[in-house]
Amino acid sequence: MTNEQMVEVAKDLTEALAPFVISGAGAKLQLGSESINVIYHSLVGFTSRNDQPSVDVKLPSAVIQSLKEVS
């Protein structure tokens, strides 16, 4: 499945799920393999991005010292 196809399936899923999210109602849905594939890859991408250290991590003292020397 290409990225473009995945985006289209994701848009369709978003539209299908929006009423349940807005209303706060639960739902039981049957999903096809394409939908499951898109959901899986979306969650993997989301979790992997959030597992990586962010820019607000404290810098090592050697890096801070070298930045002071440059400025």
N, C-alpha and C. Protein backbone atom coordinates (compact mmCIF):
# COMPACT_ATOMS: atom_id res chain seq x y z
N MET A 1 0.85 -1.17 0.00
CA MET A 1 0.00 0.00 0.00
C MET A 1 0.90 1.24 0.00
N THR A 2 0.62 2.15 -0.89
CA THR A 2 1.43 3.38 -0.97
C THR A 2 1.03 4.35 0.13
N ASN A 3 1.88 5.33 0.37
CA ASN A 3 1.56 6.36 1.37
C ASN A 3 0.29 7.11 1.00
N GLU A 4 0.11 7.37 -0.29
CA GLU A 4 -1.09 8.08 -0.74
C GLU A 4 -2.35 7.27 -0.44
N GLN A 5 -2.28 5.97 -0.66
CA GLN A 5 -3.41 5.10 -0.37
C GLN A 5 -3.68 5.05 1.14
N MET A 6 -2.60 5.01 1.92
CA MET A 6 -2.76 5.00 3.36
C MET A 6 -3.41 6.29 3.85
N VAL A 7 -3.05 7.40 3.26
CA VAL A 7 -3.64 8.68 3.64
C VAL A 7 -5.14 8.67 3.34
N GLU A 8 -5.51 8.14 2.19
CA GLU A 8 -6.94 8.08 1.83
C GLU A 8 -7.72 7.20 2.80
N VAL A 9 -7.15 6.05 3.15
CA VAL A 9 -7.82 5.17 4.11
C VAL A 9 -7.91 5.86 5.47
N ALA A 10 -6.85 6.55 5.87
CA ALA A 10 -6.86 7.27 7.14
C ALA A 10 -7.93 8.35 7.15
N LYS A 11 -8.09 9.06 6.04
CA LYS A 11 -9.14 10.08 5.95
C LYS A 11 -10.52 9.44 6.09
N ASP A 12 -10.72 8.31 5.43
CA ASP A 12 -12.00 7.60 5.53
C ASP A 12 -12.27 7.14 6.97
N LEU A 13 -11.23 6.62 7.63
CA LEU A 13 -11.38 6.20 9.02
C LEU A 13 -11.70 7.39 9.93
N THR A 14 -11.05 8.50 9.69
CA THR A 14 -11.29 9.70 10.48
C THR A 14 -12.75 10.12 10.37
N GLU A 15 -13.27 10.13 9.15
CA GLU A 15 -14.67 10.49 8.94
C GLU A 15 -15.62 9.49 9.61
N ALA A 16 -15.27 8.21 9.54
CA ALA A 16 -16.14 7.19 10.12
C ALA A 16 -16.13 7.23 11.65
N LEU A 17 -14.99 7.58 12.23
CA LEU A 17 -14.87 7.59 13.69
C LEU A 17 -15.28 8.91 14.33
N ALA A 18 -15.29 9.98 13.57
CA ALA A 18 -15.58 11.31 14.12
C ALA A 18 -16.89 11.37 14.92
N PRO A 19 -17.99 10.83 14.43
CA PRO A 19 -19.23 10.91 15.22
C PRO A 19 -19.13 10.25 16.59
N PHE A 20 -18.37 9.15 16.68
CA PHE A 20 -18.22 8.46 17.96
C PHE A 20 -17.33 9.25 18.92
N VAL A 21 -16.31 9.89 18.37
CA VAL A 21 -15.43 10.71 19.20
C VAL A 21 -16.17 11.94 19.70
N ILE A 22 -16.91 12.59 18.82
CA ILE A 22 -17.65 13.80 19.18
C ILE A 22 -18.71 13.50 20.22
N SER A 23 -19.45 12.41 20.04
CA SER A 23 -20.54 12.10 20.96
C SER A 23 -20.07 11.40 22.24
N GLY A 24 -18.85 10.87 22.19
CA GLY A 24 -18.35 10.13 23.35
C GLY A 24 -18.96 8.75 23.48
N ALA A 25 -19.69 8.33 22.46
CA ALA A 25 -20.34 7.02 22.49
C ALA A 25 -19.36 5.93 22.08
N GLY A 26 -19.53 4.78 22.65
CA GLY A 26 -18.72 3.64 22.26
C GLY A 26 -19.26 3.04 20.97
N ALA A 27 -18.47 2.19 20.38
CA ALA A 27 -18.90 1.54 19.15
C ALA A 27 -18.12 0.25 18.96
N LYS A 28 -18.76 -0.67 18.29
CA LYS A 28 -18.08 -1.89 17.84
C LYS A 28 -18.07 -1.81 16.33
N LEU A 29 -16.87 -1.83 15.79
CA LEU A 29 -16.72 -1.71 14.34
C LEU A 29 -15.98 -2.92 13.80
N GLN A 30 -16.35 -3.32 12.62
CA GLN A 30 -15.57 -4.33 11.91
C GLN A 30 -14.69 -3.58 10.93
N LEU A 31 -13.40 -3.85 11.01
CA LEU A 31 -12.44 -3.16 10.16
C LEU A 31 -11.80 -4.14 9.19
N GLY A 32 -11.60 -3.67 7.98
CA GLY A 32 -10.93 -4.47 6.98
C GLY A 32 -9.43 -4.44 7.17
N SER A 33 -8.74 -5.25 6.40
CA SER A 33 -7.29 -5.35 6.55
C SER A 33 -6.58 -4.04 6.22
N GLU A 34 -7.10 -3.28 5.25
CA GLU A 34 -6.48 -1.99 4.93
C GLU A 34 -6.59 -1.04 6.11
N SER A 35 -7.75 -0.98 6.73
CA SER A 35 -7.95 -0.11 7.88
C SER A 35 -7.06 -0.51 9.04
N ILE A 36 -6.98 -1.80 9.31
CA ILE A 36 -6.11 -2.30 10.38
C ILE A 36 -4.66 -1.94 10.09
N ASN A 37 -4.24 -2.10 8.85
CA ASN A 37 -2.88 -1.77 8.44
C ASN A 37 -2.57 -0.30 8.71
N VAL A 38 -3.48 0.58 8.32
CA VAL A 38 -3.27 2.01 8.50
C VAL A 38 -3.24 2.37 9.98
N ILE A 39 -4.15 1.82 10.75
CA ILE A 39 -4.17 2.09 12.18
C ILE A 39 -2.88 1.62 12.84
N TYR A 40 -2.46 0.43 12.50
CA TYR A 40 -1.23 -0.12 13.06
C TYR A 40 -0.03 0.77 12.75
N HIS A 41 0.16 1.11 11.48
CA HIS A 41 1.32 1.91 11.10
C HIS A 41 1.25 3.32 11.68
N SER A 42 0.06 3.86 11.82
CA SER A 42 -0.09 5.17 12.45
C SER A 42 0.32 5.13 13.91
N LEU A 43 -0.12 4.09 14.61
CA LEU A 43 0.25 3.96 16.02
C LEU A 43 1.73 3.69 16.21
N VAL A 44 2.31 2.89 15.34
CA VAL A 44 3.76 2.64 15.42
C VAL A 44 4.51 3.95 15.21
N GLY A 45 4.11 4.73 14.21
CA GLY A 45 4.76 6.01 13.97
C GLY A 45 4.60 6.96 15.15
N PHE A 46 3.41 7.02 15.71
CA PHE A 46 3.15 7.90 16.84
C PHE A 46 3.99 7.51 18.04
N THR A 47 3.99 6.22 18.38
CA THR A 47 4.72 5.79 19.56
C THR A 47 6.23 5.90 19.37
N SER A 48 6.72 5.64 18.18
CA SER A 48 8.17 5.74 17.97
C SER A 48 8.63 7.19 18.02
N ARG A 49 7.82 8.11 17.52
CA ARG A 49 8.18 9.54 17.62
C ARG A 49 8.19 9.99 19.07
N ASN A 50 7.28 9.48 19.86
CA ASN A 50 7.19 9.91 21.25
C ASN A 50 8.16 9.17 22.16
N ASP A 51 8.75 8.09 21.70
CA ASP A 51 9.77 7.39 22.48
C ASP A 51 11.14 8.01 22.31
N GLN A 52 11.34 8.77 21.25
CA GLN A 52 12.63 9.39 21.00
C GLN A 52 12.80 10.59 21.92
N PRO A 53 14.04 10.83 22.38
CA PRO A 53 14.26 11.99 23.24
C PRO A 53 13.90 13.28 22.50
N SER A 54 13.31 14.19 23.21
CA SER A 54 12.94 15.46 22.60
C SER A 54 14.04 16.48 22.81
N VAL A 55 13.83 17.65 22.22
CA VAL A 55 14.86 18.68 22.29
C VAL A 55 14.98 19.30 23.67
N ASP A 56 14.04 19.03 24.56
CA ASP A 56 14.14 19.61 25.89
C ASP A 56 14.94 18.74 26.86
N VAL A 57 15.62 17.72 26.34
CA VAL A 57 16.49 16.89 27.16
C VAL A 57 17.72 17.70 27.56
N LYS A 58 18.17 17.54 28.78
CA LYS A 58 19.33 18.28 29.26
C LYS A 58 20.58 17.89 28.46
N LEU A 59 21.28 18.89 27.99
CA LEU A 59 22.50 18.64 27.22
C LEU A 59 23.64 18.24 28.14
N PRO A 60 24.54 17.39 27.63
CA PRO A 60 25.71 17.04 28.42
C PRO A 60 26.56 18.28 28.70
N SER A 61 27.26 18.28 29.82
CA SER A 61 28.05 19.45 30.22
C SER A 61 29.12 19.81 29.19
N ALA A 62 29.69 18.81 28.51
CA ALA A 62 30.71 19.09 27.49
C ALA A 62 30.11 19.89 26.34
N VAL A 63 28.88 19.60 25.96
CA VAL A 63 28.22 20.34 24.88
C VAL A 63 27.93 21.76 25.34
N ILE A 64 27.44 21.91 26.56
CA ILE A 64 27.15 23.25 27.09
C ILE A 64 28.43 24.09 27.12
N GLN A 65 29.52 23.49 27.57
CA GLN A 65 30.81 24.20 27.64
C GLN A 65 31.27 24.62 26.25
N SER A 66 31.14 23.74 25.26
CA SER A 66 31.60 24.10 23.91
C SER A 66 30.71 25.18 23.32
N LEU A 67 29.44 25.21 23.67
CA LEU A 67 28.56 26.28 23.19
C LEU A 67 28.96 27.61 23.80
N LYS A 68 29.36 27.60 25.07
CA LYS A 68 29.82 28.84 25.72
C LYS A 68 31.09 29.36 25.05
N GLU A 69 31.97 28.45 24.66
CA GLU A 69 33.21 28.85 24.03
C GLU A 69 32.98 29.47 22.67
N VAL A 70 31.97 29.00 21.96
CA VAL A 70 31.68 29.52 20.62
C VAL A 70 31.07 30.91 20.71
N SER A 71 30.23 31.15 21.71
CA SER A 71 29.52 32.44 21.77
C SER A 71 30.34 33.57 22.32
